[in-house]
Amino acid sequence: MAKEKTLNDLFLETMKDVYYAEKQGSRMMPKMAKAAKNPELRQAFERHREESEGQVERLEQVFEMLGKPARGKPCESMQGLVEEMKEVMDDFGQSSAADAGLIASAQAIEHYEIARYGTLKTWAAQLGMDDAAKLLDETLQEEKRTDEILSRIAEGAANEDAGQGELSDDDDDAEDESGGPAKEKPKGKSKAK
């Protein structure tokens, strides 16, 4: 009979997941910084890359506390968020909406990491790993600050710079609510008053 999995097992598996996610995020940061048009956004990405290196080191410390090697496992959620970021960079990279798209994609990653670190911190405390909980909380607070900085940049300039031009007809891969192809919308002016 297989041994029943415990919260300790779940904690370790989630640590592997977030370790992979941090490594992936760190690899994307230079590309995001290079793609950013707004200097403040570029600087925020560069600063968060440095923070991410410290976050990886803290994760490695927690692995050491567990007596386990620091090893990631592929995280489909992060892979999807990274692919989404790449699409935004490809589709909007030269447009006025590029920074707004970069911020939206970066915040999706930050929100994922905030959720993971919050969970890991809680579990560490429940498991009596107070030192690990402190390290995870330090990273959680950094992720929250980064999210706040991105929001401020978006609200301050990036979204405004994106403009409100006409929608393009470039939604060939759009789907309706049922998952099927979106139906053509009638062309012409709306009669909204």
N, C-alpha and C. Protein backbone atom coordinates (compact mmCIF):
# COMPACT_ATOMS: atom_id res chain seq x y z
N MET A 1 0.84 -1.19 0.00
CA MET A 1 0.00 0.00 0.00
C MET A 1 0.89 1.25 0.00
N ALA A 2 0.55 2.21 -0.84
CA ALA A 2 1.33 3.44 -0.96
C ALA A 2 1.19 4.28 0.31
N LYS A 3 2.30 4.93 0.65
CA LYS A 3 2.31 5.80 1.82
C LYS A 3 1.41 7.02 1.54
N GLU A 4 0.62 7.38 2.52
CA GLU A 4 -0.26 8.54 2.37
C GLU A 4 0.58 9.82 2.31
N LYS A 5 0.26 10.68 1.35
CA LYS A 5 0.97 11.95 1.21
C LYS A 5 0.51 12.91 2.29
N THR A 6 1.44 13.75 2.75
CA THR A 6 1.16 14.68 3.83
C THR A 6 1.37 16.12 3.39
N LEU A 7 1.11 17.05 4.29
CA LEU A 7 1.36 18.46 4.02
C LEU A 7 2.84 18.71 3.76
N ASN A 8 3.70 17.95 4.43
CA ASN A 8 5.15 18.06 4.15
C ASN A 8 5.45 17.75 2.69
N ASP A 9 4.82 16.70 2.16
CA ASP A 9 5.02 16.33 0.76
C ASP A 9 4.50 17.43 -0.17
N LEU A 10 3.33 17.96 0.15
CA LEU A 10 2.74 19.02 -0.66
C LEU A 10 3.61 20.28 -0.62
N PHE A 11 4.14 20.58 0.56
CA PHE A 11 5.03 21.72 0.71
C PHE A 11 6.25 21.57 -0.21
N LEU A 12 6.88 20.39 -0.18
CA LEU A 12 8.06 20.14 -1.01
C LEU A 12 7.72 20.24 -2.50
N GLU A 13 6.60 19.65 -2.92
CA GLU A 13 6.22 19.71 -4.33
C GLU A 13 5.96 21.14 -4.78
N THR A 14 5.33 21.93 -3.92
CA THR A 14 5.05 23.33 -4.25
C THR A 14 6.33 24.15 -4.26
N MET A 15 7.28 23.81 -3.40
CA MET A 15 8.59 24.46 -3.42
C MET A 15 9.27 24.23 -4.77
N LYS A 16 9.21 23.00 -5.27
CA LYS A 16 9.81 22.67 -6.57
C LYS A 16 9.15 23.49 -7.68
N ASP A 17 7.84 23.62 -7.58
CA ASP A 17 7.06 24.37 -8.55
C ASP A 17 7.49 25.83 -8.57
N VAL A 18 7.56 26.47 -7.40
CA VAL A 18 7.88 27.89 -7.35
C VAL A 18 9.36 28.14 -7.66
N TYR A 19 10.21 27.17 -7.37
CA TYR A 19 11.63 27.29 -7.73
C TYR A 19 11.76 27.34 -9.26
N TYR A 20 11.06 26.46 -9.93
CA TYR A 20 11.05 26.47 -11.40
C TYR A 20 10.49 27.80 -11.90
N ALA A 21 9.40 28.24 -11.29
CA ALA A 21 8.75 29.48 -11.72
C ALA A 21 9.70 30.67 -11.58
N GLU A 22 10.42 30.75 -10.47
CA GLU A 22 11.37 31.85 -10.27
C GLU A 22 12.48 31.82 -11.30
N LYS A 23 12.97 30.63 -11.61
CA LYS A 23 14.04 30.51 -12.60
C LYS A 23 13.54 30.98 -13.97
N GLN A 24 12.31 30.57 -14.33
CA GLN A 24 11.73 30.98 -15.61
C GLN A 24 11.54 32.49 -15.65
N GLY A 25 10.99 33.04 -14.56
CA GLY A 25 10.77 34.47 -14.50
C GLY A 25 12.07 35.26 -14.62
N SER A 26 13.11 34.78 -13.97
CA SER A 26 14.43 35.44 -14.03
C SER A 26 14.97 35.46 -15.46
N ARG A 27 14.72 34.39 -16.19
CA ARG A 27 15.19 34.33 -17.58
C ARG A 27 14.43 35.31 -18.48
N MET A 28 13.17 35.59 -18.13
CA MET A 28 12.36 36.50 -18.95
C MET A 28 12.65 37.97 -18.66
N MET A 29 13.10 38.28 -17.46
CA MET A 29 13.26 39.68 -17.05
C MET A 29 14.12 40.52 -18.00
N PRO A 30 15.30 40.03 -18.44
CA PRO A 30 16.09 40.86 -19.37
C PRO A 30 15.34 41.14 -20.68
N LYS A 31 14.59 40.17 -21.17
CA LYS A 31 13.82 40.37 -22.40
C LYS A 31 12.72 41.40 -22.18
N MET A 32 12.08 41.32 -21.01
CA MET A 32 11.02 42.27 -20.69
C MET A 32 11.60 43.68 -20.55
N ALA A 33 12.74 43.80 -19.88
CA ALA A 33 13.37 45.10 -19.70
C ALA A 33 13.75 45.69 -21.06
N LYS A 34 14.30 44.85 -21.93
CA LYS A 34 14.70 45.33 -23.26
C LYS A 34 13.49 45.77 -24.09
N ALA A 35 12.37 45.07 -23.92
CA ALA A 35 11.17 45.39 -24.70
C ALA A 35 10.43 46.62 -24.17
N ALA A 36 10.65 46.96 -22.90
CA ALA A 36 9.93 48.09 -22.30
C ALA A 36 10.37 49.41 -22.93
N LYS A 37 9.39 50.24 -23.26
CA LYS A 37 9.68 51.56 -23.82
C LYS A 37 9.81 52.60 -22.70
N ASN A 38 9.01 52.48 -21.66
CA ASN A 38 9.01 53.40 -20.54
C ASN A 38 10.25 53.14 -19.68
N PRO A 39 11.09 54.16 -19.44
CA PRO A 39 12.31 53.96 -18.66
C PRO A 39 12.03 53.47 -17.23
N GLU A 40 10.96 53.95 -16.62
CA GLU A 40 10.61 53.52 -15.27
C GLU A 40 10.24 52.04 -15.25
N LEU A 41 9.55 51.59 -16.29
CA LEU A 41 9.18 50.18 -16.39
C LEU A 41 10.42 49.33 -16.61
N ARG A 42 11.29 49.78 -17.48
CA ARG A 42 12.55 49.06 -17.74
C ARG A 42 13.33 48.90 -16.43
N GLN A 43 13.42 49.98 -15.67
CA GLN A 43 14.15 49.95 -14.40
C GLN A 43 13.46 49.00 -13.41
N ALA A 44 12.13 48.98 -13.39
CA ALA A 44 11.40 48.09 -12.49
C ALA A 44 11.69 46.63 -12.83
N PHE A 45 11.74 46.30 -14.12
CA PHE A 45 12.05 44.93 -14.53
C PHE A 45 13.49 44.57 -14.14
N GLU A 46 14.41 45.50 -14.34
CA GLU A 46 15.81 45.23 -13.99
C GLU A 46 15.96 45.03 -12.47
N ARG A 47 15.28 45.87 -11.69
CA ARG A 47 15.35 45.75 -10.23
C ARG A 47 14.73 44.43 -9.77
N HIS A 48 13.63 44.03 -10.39
CA HIS A 48 12.98 42.79 -9.97
C HIS A 48 13.82 41.57 -10.37
N ARG A 49 14.58 41.69 -11.43
CA ARG A 49 15.48 40.58 -11.80
C ARG A 49 16.50 40.36 -10.69
N GLU A 50 17.04 41.45 -10.17
CA GLU A 50 17.99 41.34 -9.05
C GLU A 50 17.30 40.74 -7.82
N GLU A 51 16.08 41.19 -7.54
CA GLU A 51 15.33 40.63 -6.42
C GLU A 51 15.08 39.14 -6.62
N SER A 52 14.78 38.76 -7.85
CA SER A 52 14.50 37.36 -8.14
C SER A 52 15.69 36.47 -7.84
N GLU A 53 16.89 36.99 -8.08
CA GLU A 53 18.08 36.21 -7.75
C GLU A 53 18.14 35.95 -6.24
N GLY A 54 17.80 36.96 -5.44
CA GLY A 54 17.75 36.78 -3.99
C GLY A 54 16.63 35.84 -3.58
N GLN A 55 15.52 35.87 -4.31
CA GLN A 55 14.41 34.97 -4.02
C GLN A 55 14.80 33.52 -4.28
N VAL A 56 15.53 33.29 -5.35
CA VAL A 56 16.02 31.94 -5.65
C VAL A 56 16.95 31.47 -4.52
N GLU A 57 17.81 32.37 -4.06
CA GLU A 57 18.72 32.01 -2.96
C GLU A 57 17.94 31.66 -1.69
N ARG A 58 16.88 32.40 -1.40
CA ARG A 58 16.06 32.09 -0.22
C ARG A 58 15.38 30.73 -0.37
N LEU A 59 14.90 30.44 -1.58
CA LEU A 59 14.29 29.13 -1.82
C LEU A 59 15.32 28.03 -1.59
N GLU A 60 16.53 28.25 -2.05
CA GLU A 60 17.60 27.26 -1.85
C GLU A 60 17.88 27.06 -0.36
N GLN A 61 17.78 28.13 0.43
CA GLN A 61 17.94 27.99 1.88
C GLN A 61 16.83 27.13 2.48
N VAL A 62 15.60 27.31 1.99
CA VAL A 62 14.48 26.51 2.49
C VAL A 62 14.67 25.04 2.10
N PHE A 63 15.10 24.78 0.87
CA PHE A 63 15.38 23.40 0.47
C PHE A 63 16.42 22.79 1.41
N GLU A 64 17.45 23.58 1.72
CA GLU A 64 18.49 23.09 2.62
C GLU A 64 17.91 22.76 4.00
N MET A 65 17.00 23.59 4.50
CA MET A 65 16.34 23.32 5.79
C MET A 65 15.57 22.00 5.74
N LEU A 66 15.03 21.69 4.56
CA LEU A 66 14.27 20.45 4.38
C LEU A 66 15.19 19.24 4.18
N GLY A 67 16.48 19.51 3.98
CA GLY A 67 17.42 18.42 3.70
C GLY A 67 17.24 17.85 2.31
N LYS A 68 16.75 18.68 1.39
CA LYS A 68 16.49 18.25 0.01
C LYS A 68 17.28 19.12 -0.96
N PRO A 69 17.64 18.56 -2.12
CA PRO A 69 18.33 19.38 -3.12
C PRO A 69 17.37 20.41 -3.72
N ALA A 70 17.90 21.58 -4.03
CA ALA A 70 17.09 22.61 -4.69
C ALA A 70 16.89 22.19 -6.13
N ARG A 71 15.68 21.78 -6.42
CA ARG A 71 15.37 21.27 -7.75
C ARG A 71 13.96 21.70 -8.11
N GLY A 72 13.81 22.22 -9.31
CA GLY A 72 12.50 22.61 -9.78
C GLY A 72 11.85 21.50 -10.55
N LYS A 73 10.55 21.62 -10.71
CA LYS A 73 9.83 20.71 -11.61
C LYS A 73 9.02 21.60 -12.54
N PRO A 74 8.92 21.19 -13.80
CA PRO A 74 8.19 22.03 -14.76
C PRO A 74 6.80 22.39 -14.24
N CYS A 75 6.51 23.66 -14.36
CA CYS A 75 5.25 24.21 -13.87
C CYS A 75 4.45 24.69 -15.09
N GLU A 76 3.38 23.98 -15.40
CA GLU A 76 2.58 24.32 -16.57
C GLU A 76 1.96 25.71 -16.46
N SER A 77 1.62 26.11 -15.26
CA SER A 77 1.04 27.45 -15.08
C SER A 77 2.05 28.52 -15.50
N MET A 78 3.27 28.41 -15.02
CA MET A 78 4.29 29.40 -15.36
C MET A 78 4.65 29.32 -16.83
N GLN A 79 4.71 28.11 -17.38
CA GLN A 79 5.00 27.98 -18.80
C GLN A 79 3.94 28.72 -19.62
N GLY A 80 2.68 28.59 -19.22
CA GLY A 80 1.61 29.29 -19.92
C GLY A 80 1.73 30.80 -19.80
N LEU A 81 2.07 31.29 -18.60
CA LEU A 81 2.23 32.73 -18.40
C LEU A 81 3.41 33.28 -19.18
N VAL A 82 4.49 32.51 -19.27
CA VAL A 82 5.65 32.94 -20.05
C VAL A 82 5.31 32.97 -21.53
N GLU A 83 4.58 31.96 -22.00
CA GLU A 83 4.17 31.95 -23.41
C GLU A 83 3.27 33.14 -23.73
N GLU A 84 2.39 33.46 -22.80
CA GLU A 84 1.52 34.62 -22.97
C GLU A 84 2.35 35.90 -23.07
N MET A 85 3.36 36.01 -22.23
CA MET A 85 4.25 37.17 -22.26
C MET A 85 4.95 37.26 -23.61
N LYS A 86 5.43 36.14 -24.11
CA LYS A 86 6.11 36.13 -25.41
C LYS A 86 5.15 36.57 -26.53
N GLU A 87 3.91 36.10 -26.47
CA GLU A 87 2.91 36.51 -27.46
C GLU A 87 2.68 38.01 -27.43
N VAL A 88 2.56 38.56 -26.23
CA VAL A 88 2.36 40.01 -26.09
C VAL A 88 3.54 40.75 -26.69
N MET A 89 4.76 40.29 -26.42
CA MET A 89 5.95 40.95 -26.95
C MET A 89 5.98 40.84 -28.48
N ASP A 90 5.58 39.68 -29.02
CA ASP A 90 5.56 39.51 -30.47
C ASP A 90 4.45 40.35 -31.12
N ASP A 91 3.26 40.31 -30.54
CA ASP A 91 2.10 40.97 -31.15
C ASP A 91 2.08 42.48 -30.95
N PHE A 92 2.61 42.97 -29.83
CA PHE A 92 2.48 44.38 -29.50
C PHE A 92 3.83 45.08 -29.33
N GLY A 93 4.92 44.37 -29.58
CA GLY A 93 6.25 44.89 -29.30
C GLY A 93 6.58 46.24 -29.87
N GLN A 94 6.08 46.58 -31.03
CA GLN A 94 6.40 47.86 -31.65
C GLN A 94 5.24 48.86 -31.54
N SER A 95 4.20 48.49 -30.82
CA SER A 95 3.03 49.36 -30.74
C SER A 95 3.07 50.23 -29.49
N SER A 96 2.17 51.20 -29.46
CA SER A 96 2.06 52.06 -28.28
C SER A 96 1.49 51.30 -27.08
N ALA A 97 0.90 50.13 -27.33
CA ALA A 97 0.32 49.33 -26.25
C ALA A 97 1.31 48.33 -25.65
N ALA A 98 2.55 48.34 -26.13
CA ALA A 98 3.53 47.34 -25.69
C ALA A 98 3.73 47.35 -24.18
N ASP A 99 3.95 48.51 -23.60
CA ASP A 99 4.21 48.57 -22.16
C ASP A 99 3.00 48.12 -21.35
N ALA A 100 1.81 48.52 -21.78
CA ALA A 100 0.60 48.09 -21.07
C ALA A 100 0.48 46.57 -21.11
N GLY A 101 0.80 45.97 -22.25
CA GLY A 101 0.76 44.51 -22.37
C GLY A 101 1.83 43.83 -21.53
N LEU A 102 3.02 44.41 -21.51
CA LEU A 102 4.10 43.86 -20.68
C LEU A 102 3.71 43.90 -19.20
N ILE A 103 3.14 45.01 -18.77
CA ILE A 103 2.74 45.13 -17.37
C ILE A 103 1.66 44.11 -17.04
N ALA A 104 0.67 43.98 -17.91
CA ALA A 104 -0.41 43.01 -17.66
C ALA A 104 0.14 41.59 -17.54
N SER A 105 1.04 41.24 -18.43
CA SER A 105 1.64 39.90 -18.39
C SER A 105 2.51 39.72 -17.16
N ALA A 106 3.30 40.73 -16.82
CA ALA A 106 4.16 40.65 -15.64
C ALA A 106 3.32 40.55 -14.37
N GLN A 107 2.20 41.27 -14.32
CA GLN A 107 1.36 41.19 -13.14
C GLN A 107 0.68 39.82 -13.02
N ALA A 108 0.38 39.18 -14.13
CA ALA A 108 -0.17 37.83 -14.06
C ALA A 108 0.85 36.89 -13.40
N ILE A 109 2.11 37.06 -13.76
CA ILE A 109 3.18 36.26 -13.15
C ILE A 109 3.31 36.60 -11.67
N GLU A 110 3.31 37.89 -11.35
CA GLU A 110 3.42 38.31 -9.95
C GLU A 110 2.27 37.75 -9.11
N HIS A 111 1.06 37.79 -9.64
CA HIS A 111 -0.09 37.30 -8.88
C HIS A 111 0.02 35.79 -8.63
N TYR A 112 0.53 35.07 -9.61
CA TYR A 112 0.78 33.64 -9.43
C TYR A 112 1.78 33.43 -8.30
N GLU A 113 2.88 34.19 -8.35
CA GLU A 113 3.92 34.03 -7.34
C GLU A 113 3.43 34.46 -5.96
N ILE A 114 2.65 35.52 -5.89
CA ILE A 114 2.08 35.96 -4.61
C ILE A 114 1.23 34.84 -4.01
N ALA A 115 0.41 34.22 -4.83
CA ALA A 115 -0.43 33.11 -4.35
C ALA A 115 0.43 31.96 -3.84
N ARG A 116 1.46 31.60 -4.57
CA ARG A 116 2.33 30.48 -4.17
C ARG A 116 3.09 30.80 -2.89
N TYR A 117 3.70 31.99 -2.83
CA TYR A 117 4.47 32.32 -1.64
C TYR A 117 3.58 32.47 -0.40
N GLY A 118 2.39 33.00 -0.58
CA GLY A 118 1.46 33.10 0.55
C GLY A 118 1.09 31.73 1.08
N THR A 119 0.84 30.81 0.18
CA THR A 119 0.51 29.44 0.57
C THR A 119 1.69 28.77 1.26
N LEU A 120 2.87 28.88 0.66
CA LEU A 120 4.06 28.24 1.25
C LEU A 120 4.38 28.81 2.63
N LYS A 121 4.23 30.11 2.78
CA LYS A 121 4.49 30.74 4.08
C LYS A 121 3.53 30.16 5.13
N THR A 122 2.25 30.06 4.79
CA THR A 122 1.25 29.52 5.73
C THR A 122 1.57 28.08 6.08
N TRP A 123 1.88 27.27 5.08
CA TRP A 123 2.20 25.87 5.34
C TRP A 123 3.45 25.74 6.20
N ALA A 124 4.48 26.55 5.91
CA ALA A 124 5.71 26.49 6.69
C ALA A 124 5.40 26.77 8.16
N ALA A 125 4.59 27.78 8.42
CA ALA A 125 4.22 28.10 9.80
C ALA A 125 3.46 26.94 10.44
N GLN A 126 2.53 26.35 9.69
CA GLN A 126 1.75 25.21 10.22
C GLN A 126 2.64 24.01 10.53
N LEU A 127 3.70 23.86 9.73
CA LEU A 127 4.61 22.73 9.90
C LEU A 127 5.72 23.02 10.92
N GLY A 128 5.65 24.20 11.56
CA GLY A 128 6.62 24.55 12.58
C GLY A 128 7.97 24.98 12.02
N MET A 129 8.00 25.35 10.76
CA MET A 129 9.25 25.79 10.12
C MET A 129 9.28 27.32 10.10
N ASP A 130 9.49 27.90 11.28
CA ASP A 130 9.41 29.35 11.42
C ASP A 130 10.45 30.09 10.59
N ASP A 131 11.67 29.56 10.52
CA ASP A 131 12.72 30.22 9.72
C ASP A 131 12.35 30.21 8.24
N ALA A 132 11.80 29.11 7.77
CA ALA A 132 11.37 29.02 6.38
C ALA A 132 10.23 30.00 6.13
N ALA A 133 9.29 30.07 7.07
CA ALA A 133 8.15 30.99 6.93
C ALA A 133 8.64 32.43 6.80
N LYS A 134 9.67 32.81 7.57
CA LYS A 134 10.22 34.17 7.50
C LYS A 134 10.84 34.44 6.14
N LEU A 135 11.60 33.47 5.62
CA LEU A 135 12.22 33.63 4.31
C LEU A 135 11.16 33.76 3.22
N LEU A 136 10.15 32.92 3.29
CA LEU A 136 9.07 32.96 2.29
C LEU A 136 8.28 34.26 2.38
N ASP A 137 8.08 34.76 3.60
CA ASP A 137 7.37 36.02 3.77
C ASP A 137 8.18 37.19 3.20
N GLU A 138 9.49 37.14 3.34
CA GLU A 138 10.33 38.19 2.77
C GLU A 138 10.12 38.27 1.25
N THR A 139 10.09 37.11 0.62
CA THR A 139 9.86 37.07 -0.83
C THR A 139 8.44 37.51 -1.16
N LEU A 140 7.47 37.06 -0.38
CA LEU A 140 6.08 37.45 -0.59
C LEU A 140 5.94 38.97 -0.58
N GLN A 141 6.58 39.63 0.38
CA GLN A 141 6.49 41.09 0.46
C GLN A 141 7.14 41.76 -0.75
N GLU A 142 8.25 41.21 -1.25
CA GLU A 142 8.89 41.75 -2.45
C GLU A 142 7.96 41.62 -3.66
N GLU A 143 7.31 40.47 -3.78
CA GLU A 143 6.39 40.25 -4.91
C GLU A 143 5.22 41.24 -4.85
N LYS A 144 4.71 41.48 -3.66
CA LYS A 144 3.61 42.44 -3.51
C LYS A 144 4.06 43.85 -3.88
N ARG A 145 5.27 44.23 -3.44
CA ARG A 145 5.79 45.56 -3.78
C ARG A 145 5.96 45.70 -5.29
N THR A 146 6.47 44.66 -5.93
CA THR A 146 6.65 44.70 -7.39
C THR A 146 5.30 44.89 -8.08
N ASP A 147 4.28 44.17 -7.62
CA ASP A 147 2.94 44.30 -8.19
C ASP A 147 2.43 45.74 -8.03
N GLU A 148 2.66 46.33 -6.86
CA GLU A 148 2.22 47.72 -6.61
C GLU A 148 2.96 48.69 -7.53
N ILE A 149 4.25 48.47 -7.71
CA ILE A 149 5.05 49.33 -8.61
C ILE A 149 4.53 49.23 -10.04
N LEU A 150 4.25 48.02 -10.49
CA LEU A 150 3.73 47.83 -11.84
C LEU A 150 2.38 48.52 -12.00
N SER A 151 1.53 48.42 -10.99
CA SER A 151 0.22 49.10 -11.04
C SER A 151 0.41 50.61 -11.14
N ARG A 152 1.33 51.15 -10.36
CA ARG A 152 1.57 52.59 -10.38
C ARG A 152 2.07 53.04 -11.75
N ILE A 153 2.97 52.26 -12.34
CA ILE A 153 3.49 52.61 -13.67
C ILE A 153 2.36 52.55 -14.70
N ALA A 154 1.54 51.52 -14.61
CA ALA A 154 0.43 51.38 -15.55
C ALA A 154 -0.53 52.54 -15.43
N GLU A 155 -0.89 52.87 -14.20
CA GLU A 155 -1.85 53.95 -13.98
C GLU A 155 -1.25 55.31 -14.31
N GLY A 156 0.07 55.44 -14.16
CA GLY A 156 0.72 56.72 -14.39
C GLY A 156 0.96 57.06 -15.84
N ALA A 157 1.36 56.08 -16.64
CA ALA A 157 1.73 56.42 -18.01
C ALA A 157 1.45 55.33 -19.02
N ALA A 158 1.77 54.10 -18.68
CA ALA A 158 1.76 53.03 -19.70
C ALA A 158 0.39 52.84 -20.33
N ASN A 159 -0.66 52.79 -19.52
CA ASN A 159 -1.99 52.59 -20.09
C ASN A 159 -2.43 53.79 -20.92
N GLU A 160 -2.09 54.99 -20.43
CA GLU A 160 -2.44 56.20 -21.17
C GLU A 160 -1.68 56.26 -22.49
N ASP A 161 -0.39 55.89 -22.46
CA ASP A 161 0.41 55.90 -23.68
C ASP A 161 -0.09 54.88 -24.71
N ALA A 162 -0.78 53.85 -24.24
CA ALA A 162 -1.27 52.81 -25.14
C ALA A 162 -2.33 53.35 -26.08
N GLY A 163 -2.96 54.45 -25.72
CA GLY A 163 -3.96 55.05 -26.58
C GLY A 163 -5.25 54.26 -26.61
N GLN A 164 -6.20 54.80 -27.31
CA GLN A 164 -7.50 54.15 -27.40
C GLN A 164 -7.93 54.08 -28.85
N GLY A 165 -7.01 53.75 -29.71
CA GLY A 165 -7.30 53.69 -31.14
C GLY A 165 -8.38 52.67 -31.46
N GLU A 166 -8.66 52.54 -32.71
CA GLU A 166 -9.66 51.60 -33.20
C GLU A 166 -9.20 50.16 -32.97
N LEU A 167 -10.12 49.26 -32.73
CA LEU A 167 -9.79 47.84 -32.64
C LEU A 167 -9.38 47.34 -34.01
N SER A 168 -8.38 46.50 -34.04
CA SER A 168 -7.97 45.91 -35.32
C SER A 168 -8.85 44.69 -35.58
N ASP A 169 -8.88 44.25 -36.81
CA ASP A 169 -9.63 43.05 -37.18
C ASP A 169 -8.76 41.82 -37.05
N ASP A 170 -7.72 41.88 -36.23
CA ASP A 170 -6.74 40.81 -36.10
C ASP A 170 -7.09 39.85 -34.97
N ASP A 171 -8.33 39.31 -35.00
CA ASP A 171 -8.74 38.37 -33.95
C ASP A 171 -9.16 37.04 -34.56
N ASP A 172 -8.36 36.57 -35.53
CA ASP A 172 -8.65 35.32 -36.21
C ASP A 172 -8.72 34.14 -35.26
N ASP A 173 -7.96 34.17 -34.17
CA ASP A 173 -7.91 33.03 -33.27
C ASP A 173 -8.81 33.22 -32.04
N ALA A 174 -9.70 34.19 -32.11
CA ALA A 174 -10.61 34.43 -30.98
C ALA A 174 -11.63 33.30 -30.89
N GLU A 175 -12.07 33.05 -29.67
CA GLU A 175 -13.09 32.02 -29.44
C GLU A 175 -14.27 32.65 -28.74
N ASP A 176 -15.47 32.08 -28.97
CA ASP A 176 -16.62 32.55 -28.21
C ASP A 176 -16.65 31.85 -26.87
N GLU A 177 -17.68 32.12 -26.05
CA GLU A 177 -17.75 31.56 -24.70
C GLU A 177 -17.79 30.04 -24.67
N SER A 178 -18.26 29.39 -25.73
CA SER A 178 -18.35 27.94 -25.75
C SER A 178 -17.03 27.28 -26.16
N GLY A 179 -16.04 28.09 -26.50
CA GLY A 179 -14.75 27.55 -26.91
C GLY A 179 -14.63 27.43 -28.42
N GLY A 180 -15.70 27.71 -29.15
CA GLY A 180 -15.67 27.65 -30.60
C GLY A 180 -15.22 28.97 -31.18
N PRO A 181 -15.07 29.04 -32.50
CA PRO A 181 -14.63 30.30 -33.12
C PRO A 181 -15.64 31.40 -32.86
N ALA A 182 -15.15 32.60 -32.67
CA ALA A 182 -16.03 33.75 -32.42
C ALA A 182 -16.81 34.04 -33.69
N LYS A 183 -18.03 34.47 -33.52
CA LYS A 183 -18.88 34.82 -34.65
C LYS A 183 -18.53 36.23 -35.10
N GLU A 184 -18.66 36.46 -36.40
CA GLU A 184 -18.41 37.79 -36.94
C GLU A 184 -19.38 38.78 -36.33
N LYS A 185 -18.87 39.95 -36.00
CA LYS A 185 -19.73 41.01 -35.49
C LYS A 185 -20.12 41.87 -36.66
N PRO A 186 -21.33 42.38 -36.66
CA PRO A 186 -21.75 43.23 -37.78
C PRO A 186 -20.87 44.48 -37.84
N LYS A 187 -20.57 44.87 -39.06
CA LYS A 187 -19.73 46.05 -39.24
C LYS A 187 -20.64 47.26 -39.35
N GLY A 188 -20.11 48.37 -39.00
CA GLY A 188 -20.90 49.59 -39.07
C GLY A 188 -20.83 50.32 -37.74
N LYS A 189 -21.42 51.48 -37.72
CA LYS A 189 -21.35 52.31 -36.53
C LYS A 189 -22.42 51.90 -35.54
N SER A 190 -22.08 51.95 -34.27
CA SER A 190 -23.09 51.66 -33.25
C SER A 190 -23.94 52.90 -33.05
N LYS A 191 -25.14 52.67 -32.56
CA LYS A 191 -26.07 53.78 -32.36
C LYS A 191 -26.19 54.13 -30.89
N ALA A 192 -25.10 53.96 -30.15
CA ALA A 192 -25.14 54.29 -28.72
C ALA A 192 -25.29 55.79 -28.54
N LYS A 193 -26.12 56.17 -27.57
CA LYS A 193 -26.34 57.60 -27.31
C LYS A 193 -25.77 57.98 -25.99
